Amino acid sequence: MIHIDQPMIDKLTDEAPSSARKRKNLNFHPVASDPMHRMLHAMEPETYVQPHKHENPDKREAFIILTGKVAAVQYTDAGEVDDYIILDSRAGNYGVEIAPRSWHNLIALETRSVVYEVKDGPWDPADDKFFALWAPKEGDAGCQVYNKMILEKIGIIQ
């Protein structure tokens, strides 16, 4: 049995701010070929997750908020915001499931935010995700500007 407890969350959230990507994950699936991937993601507001989708093979993805506050955003093929939810257990917004072939990303809104992710496996870096060409690549100079623009569009910041 895997216990997801405060010491586990604290260790992960303590490590995320000092990582280059400003996020840290902890996998519970033992191998990349596992048919169901389960993991924790600790994210800081400075992290950037490039919009992407999972297709060929199609994969579902679900996120459940454990701590903090995270925007889960879905996009059209043209890069327009199609839907979103602010994952925040204090507000009663506990999770979201993303359908295969849906462009999406996560934007951390609070420090020490943690989501539990469940996604269809297996993981193969050659076809696991397809990144949106209409958004900056991770590491590009415009990543934080892009996140800010999306948060403005959904009314989180002005």
C-alpha atoms as a PDB file:
ATOM      1  CA  MET A   1       0.000   0.000   0.000  1.00  0.00           C
ATOM      2  CA  ILE A   2       1.267   3.472  -0.879  1.00  0.00           C
ATOM      3  CA  HIS A   3       0.493   6.128   1.705  1.00  0.00           C
ATOM      4  CA  ILE A   4       0.078   9.620   0.316  1.00  0.00           C
ATOM      5  CA  ASP A   5       0.621  11.600   3.491  1.00  0.00           C
ATOM      6  CA  GLN A   6       1.874  14.976   4.653  1.00  0.00           C
ATOM      7  CA  PRO A   7       5.550  13.950   4.902  1.00  0.00           C
ATOM      8  CA  MET A   8       5.429  12.759   1.272  1.00  0.00           C
ATOM      9  CA  ILE A   9       3.761  16.004   0.155  1.00  0.00           C
ATOM     10  CA  ASP A  10       6.218  18.102   2.189  1.00  0.00           C
ATOM     11  CA  LYS A  11       9.255  16.359   0.671  1.00  0.00           C
ATOM     12  CA  LEU A  12       7.952  16.890  -2.865  1.00  0.00           C
ATOM     13  CA  THR A  13       6.909  20.505  -2.343  1.00  0.00           C
ATOM     14  CA  ASP A  14      10.230  21.267  -0.649  1.00  0.00           C
ATOM     15  CA  GLU A  15      12.098  19.986  -3.733  1.00  0.00           C
ATOM     16  CA  ALA A  16       9.990  21.644  -6.460  1.00  0.00           C
ATOM     17  CA  PRO A  17      11.137  25.284  -6.004  1.00  0.00           C
ATOM     18  CA  SER A  18      14.820  24.397  -6.370  1.00  0.00           C
ATOM     19  CA  SER A  19      14.353  22.276  -9.501  1.00  0.00           C
ATOM     20  CA  ALA A  20      15.100  23.861 -12.874  1.00  0.00           C
ATOM     21  CA  ARG A  21      11.501  23.283 -14.047  1.00  0.00           C
ATOM     22  CA  LYS A  22       9.957  24.511 -10.755  1.00  0.00           C
ATOM     23  CA  ARG A  23       8.102  21.227 -10.407  1.00  0.00           C
ATOM     24  CA  LYS A  24       8.789  17.765  -9.116  1.00  0.00           C
ATOM     25  CA  ASN A  25       6.982  14.499  -9.693  1.00  0.00           C
ATOM     26  CA  LEU A  26       6.851  11.203  -7.864  1.00  0.00           C
ATOM     27  CA  ASN A  27       5.820   8.144  -9.864  1.00  0.00           C
ATOM     28  CA  PHE A  28       3.894   5.310  -8.256  1.00  0.00           C
ATOM     29  CA  HIS A  29       3.866   3.085 -11.344  1.00  0.00           C
ATOM     30  CA  PRO A  30       6.905   0.791 -11.236  1.00  0.00           C
ATOM     31  CA  VAL A  31       7.804   0.839 -14.954  1.00  0.00           C
ATOM     32  CA  ALA A  32       7.110   2.986 -18.024  1.00  0.00           C
ATOM     33  CA  SER A  33       5.280   0.063 -19.652  1.00  0.00           C
ATOM     34  CA  ASP A  34       2.669  -0.022 -16.850  1.00  0.00           C
ATOM     35  CA  PRO A  35      -0.832   0.258 -18.389  1.00  0.00           C
ATOM     36  CA  MET A  36      -1.901   2.836 -15.797  1.00  0.00           C
ATOM     37  CA  HIS A  37       0.390   5.624 -14.664  1.00  0.00           C
ATOM     38  CA  ARG A  38      -0.109   7.256 -11.257  1.00  0.00           C
ATOM     39  CA  MET A  39       1.983  10.097  -9.937  1.00  0.00           C
ATOM     40  CA  LEU A  40       2.126  13.227  -7.843  1.00  0.00           C
ATOM     41  CA  HIS A  41       3.122  16.573  -9.361  1.00  0.00           C
ATOM     42  CA  ALA A  42       4.302  19.381  -7.081  1.00  0.00           C
ATOM     43  CA  MET A  43       4.230  22.658  -9.003  1.00  0.00           C
ATOM     44  CA  GLU A  44       5.227  26.226  -8.369  1.00  0.00           C
ATOM     45  CA  PRO A  45       3.614  29.213 -10.131  1.00  0.00           C
ATOM     46  CA  GLU A  46       6.849  29.753 -12.109  1.00  0.00           C
ATOM     47  CA  THR A  47       6.583  26.381 -13.865  1.00  0.00           C
ATOM     48  CA  TYR A  48       5.374  26.094 -17.447  1.00  0.00           C
ATOM     49  CA  VAL A  49       3.581  23.090 -18.899  1.00  0.00           C
ATOM     50  CA  GLN A  50       3.373  23.448 -22.679  1.00  0.00           C
ATOM     51  CA  PRO A  51      -0.126  22.711 -23.992  1.00  0.00           C
ATOM     52  CA  HIS A  52      -0.201  19.203 -25.392  1.00  0.00           C
ATOM     53  CA  LYS A  53      -2.503  16.308 -26.237  1.00  0.00           C
ATOM     54  CA  HIS A  54      -2.346  12.534 -26.135  1.00  0.00           C
ATOM     55  CA  GLU A  55      -3.327  10.698 -29.316  1.00  0.00           C
ATOM     56  CA  ASN A  56      -2.138   7.743 -31.357  1.00  0.00           C
ATOM     57  CA  PRO A  57      -2.341   6.100 -28.917  1.00  0.00           C
ATOM     58  CA  ASP A  58      -5.237   7.907 -27.285  1.00  0.00           C
ATOM     59  CA  LYS A  59      -4.817   8.403 -23.556  1.00  0.00           C
ATOM     60  CA  ARG A  60      -7.079   9.787 -20.860  1.00  0.00           C
ATOM     61  CA  GLU A  61      -5.629  11.851 -18.076  1.00  0.00           C
ATOM     62  CA  ALA A  62      -7.148  12.828 -14.735  1.00  0.00           C
ATOM     63  CA  PHE A  63      -5.909  15.319 -12.151  1.00  0.00           C
ATOM     64  CA  ILE A  64      -7.046  15.532  -8.514  1.00  0.00           C
ATOM     65  CA  ILE A  65      -5.927  18.480  -6.390  1.00  0.00           C
ATOM     66  CA  LEU A  66      -4.299  17.624  -3.065  1.00  0.00           C
ATOM     67  CA  THR A  67      -2.888  20.994  -2.008  1.00  0.00           C
ATOM     68  CA  GLY A  68      -2.825  24.488  -3.411  1.00  0.00           C
ATOM     69  CA  LYS A  69      -4.601  25.774  -6.483  1.00  0.00           C
ATOM     70  CA  VAL A  70      -4.081  24.864 -10.156  1.00  0.00           C
ATOM     71  CA  ALA A  71      -5.797  25.928 -13.375  1.00  0.00           C
ATOM     72  CA  ALA A  72      -6.488  23.045 -15.777  1.00  0.00           C
ATOM     73  CA  VAL A  73      -7.079  24.567 -19.212  1.00  0.00           C
ATOM     74  CA  GLN A  74      -8.397  22.943 -22.396  1.00  0.00           C
ATOM     75  CA  TYR A  75      -7.829  24.496 -25.838  1.00  0.00           C
ATOM     76  CA  THR A  76      -9.252  24.311 -29.340  1.00  0.00           C
ATOM     77  CA  ASP A  77      -7.065  23.169 -32.224  1.00  0.00           C
ATOM     78  CA  ALA A  78      -6.411  26.861 -32.942  1.00  0.00           C
ATOM     79  CA  GLY A  79      -5.148  27.513 -29.394  1.00  0.00           C
ATOM     80  CA  GLU A  80      -8.189  29.321 -28.004  1.00  0.00           C
ATOM     81  CA  VAL A  81      -9.337  28.513 -24.465  1.00  0.00           C
ATOM     82  CA  ASP A  82     -12.188  26.016 -24.798  1.00  0.00           C
ATOM     83  CA  ASP A  83     -12.803  25.151 -21.130  1.00  0.00           C
ATOM     84  CA  TYR A  84     -11.075  25.380 -17.786  1.00  0.00           C
ATOM     85  CA  ILE A  85     -11.443  24.586 -14.109  1.00  0.00           C
ATOM     86  CA  ILE A  86      -9.618  25.987 -11.111  1.00  0.00           C
ATOM     87  CA  LEU A  87      -8.664  22.947  -9.068  1.00  0.00           C
ATOM     88  CA  ASP A  88      -9.007  24.046  -5.457  1.00  0.00           C
ATOM     89  CA  SER A  89     -10.231  21.708  -2.727  1.00  0.00           C
ATOM     90  CA  ARG A  90     -11.252  24.682  -0.572  1.00  0.00           C
ATOM     91  CA  ALA A  91     -13.687  25.753  -3.322  1.00  0.00           C
ATOM     92  CA  GLY A  92     -15.005  22.224  -3.909  1.00  0.00           C
ATOM     93  CA  ASN A  93     -13.272  21.803  -7.302  1.00  0.00           C
ATOM     94  CA  TYR A  94     -11.443  18.555  -6.706  1.00  0.00           C
ATOM     95  CA  GLY A  95     -10.512  17.183 -10.086  1.00  0.00           C
ATOM     96  CA  VAL A  96     -10.825  16.997 -13.827  1.00  0.00           C
ATOM     97  CA  GLU A  97     -10.589  14.304 -16.477  1.00  0.00           C
ATOM     98  CA  ILE A  98      -9.095  15.225 -19.839  1.00  0.00           C
ATOM     99  CA  ALA A  99     -10.337  13.291 -22.876  1.00  0.00           C
ATOM    100  CA  PRO A 100      -7.866  11.887 -25.390  1.00  0.00           C
ATOM    101  CA  ARG A 101      -6.987  14.231 -28.274  1.00  0.00           C
ATOM    102  CA  SER A 102      -7.744  17.347 -26.168  1.00  0.00           C
ATOM    103  CA  TRP A 103      -5.150  20.110 -26.007  1.00  0.00           C
ATOM    104  CA  HIS A 104      -4.539  20.981 -22.357  1.00  0.00           C
ATOM    105  CA  ASN A 105      -2.100  22.181 -19.748  1.00  0.00           C
ATOM    106  CA  LEU A 106      -1.848  23.010 -16.063  1.00  0.00           C
ATOM    107  CA  ILE A 107      -0.898  26.356 -14.531  1.00  0.00           C
ATOM    108  CA  ALA A 108      -0.015  26.447 -10.827  1.00  0.00           C
ATOM    109  CA  LEU A 109      -1.674  29.381  -9.091  1.00  0.00           C
ATOM    110  CA  GLU A 110      -0.220  28.900  -5.607  1.00  0.00           C
ATOM    111  CA  THR A 111       3.114  27.791  -4.262  1.00  0.00           C
ATOM    112  CA  ARG A 112       3.307  24.192  -3.013  1.00  0.00           C
ATOM    113  CA  SER A 113       0.454  23.034  -5.261  1.00  0.00           C
ATOM    114  CA  VAL A 114       0.190  19.270  -5.712  1.00  0.00           C
ATOM    115  CA  VAL A 115      -1.994  17.229  -8.052  1.00  0.00           C
ATOM    116  CA  TYR A 116      -2.428  13.478  -8.249  1.00  0.00           C
ATOM    117  CA  GLU A 117      -2.390  12.361 -11.887  1.00  0.00           C
ATOM    118  CA  VAL A 118      -3.737   9.148 -13.359  1.00  0.00           C
ATOM    119  CA  LYS A 119      -3.058   8.524 -17.043  1.00  0.00           C
ATOM    120  CA  ASP A 120      -3.262   5.608 -19.418  1.00  0.00           C
ATOM    121  CA  GLY A 121       0.106   4.004 -20.067  1.00  0.00           C
ATOM    122  CA  PRO A 122       2.445   2.859 -21.340  1.00  0.00           C
ATOM    123  CA  TRP A 123       4.865   5.767 -21.594  1.00  0.00           C
ATOM    124  CA  ASP A 124       6.892   6.022 -24.779  1.00  0.00           C
ATOM    125  CA  PRO A 125       8.635   9.375 -25.262  1.00  0.00           C
ATOM    126  CA  ALA A 126       8.246   9.024 -29.061  1.00  0.00           C
ATOM    127  CA  ASP A 127       4.429   9.245 -28.934  1.00  0.00           C
ATOM    128  CA  ASP A 128       3.370  10.083 -25.383  1.00  0.00           C
ATOM    129  CA  LYS A 129       2.391  13.667 -26.102  1.00  0.00           C
ATOM    130  CA  PHE A 130       2.173  16.052 -28.980  1.00  0.00           C
ATOM    131  CA  PHE A 131       3.003  19.653 -28.150  1.00  0.00           C
ATOM    132  CA  ALA A 132       1.009  22.595 -29.470  1.00  0.00           C
ATOM    133  CA  LEU A 133       2.907  24.604 -32.058  1.00  0.00           C
ATOM    134  CA  TRP A 134       0.840  27.706 -31.164  1.00  0.00           C
ATOM    135  CA  ALA A 135       2.368  27.907 -27.670  1.00  0.00           C
ATOM    136  CA  PRO A 136       5.963  28.469 -26.536  1.00  0.00           C
ATOM    137  CA  LYS A 137       8.158  25.437 -26.014  1.00  0.00           C
ATOM    138  CA  GLU A 138       9.213  24.734 -22.451  1.00  0.00           C
ATOM    139  CA  GLY A 139      12.321  26.787 -21.734  1.00  0.00           C
ATOM    140  CA  ASP A 140      11.525  29.521 -24.277  1.00  0.00           C
ATOM    141  CA  ALA A 141      11.602  33.126 -23.096  1.00  0.00           C
ATOM    142  CA  GLY A 142       7.829  33.600 -23.623  1.00  0.00           C
ATOM    143  CA  CYS A 143       6.572  30.882 -21.276  1.00  0.00           C
ATOM    144  CA  GLN A 144       5.632  33.110 -18.336  1.00  0.00           C
ATOM    145  CA  VAL A 145       4.075  35.669 -20.679  1.00  0.00           C
ATOM    146  CA  TYR A 146       1.976  32.879 -22.208  1.00  0.00           C
ATOM    147  CA  ASN A 147       0.798  31.652 -18.785  1.00  0.00           C
ATOM    148  CA  LYS A 148      -0.120  35.216 -17.829  1.00  0.00           C
ATOM    149  CA  MET A 149      -2.076  35.690 -21.073  1.00  0.00           C
ATOM    150  CA  ILE A 150      -4.077  32.492 -20.436  1.00  0.00           C
ATOM    151  CA  LEU A 151      -4.783  33.504 -16.832  1.00  0.00           C
ATOM    152  CA  GLU A 152      -6.003  36.897 -18.062  1.00  0.00           C
ATOM    153  CA  LYS A 153      -8.285  35.197 -20.631  1.00  0.00           C
ATOM    154  CA  ILE A 154      -9.921  33.069 -17.947  1.00  0.00           C
ATOM    155  CA  GLY A 155     -10.214  35.982 -15.533  1.00  0.00           C
ATOM    156  CA  ILE A 156      -7.730  34.865 -12.880  1.00  0.00           C
ATOM    157  CA  ILE A 157      -5.554  37.947 -13.221  1.00  0.00           C
ATOM    158  CA  GLN A 158      -6.148  41.352 -14.791  1.00  0.00           C
END
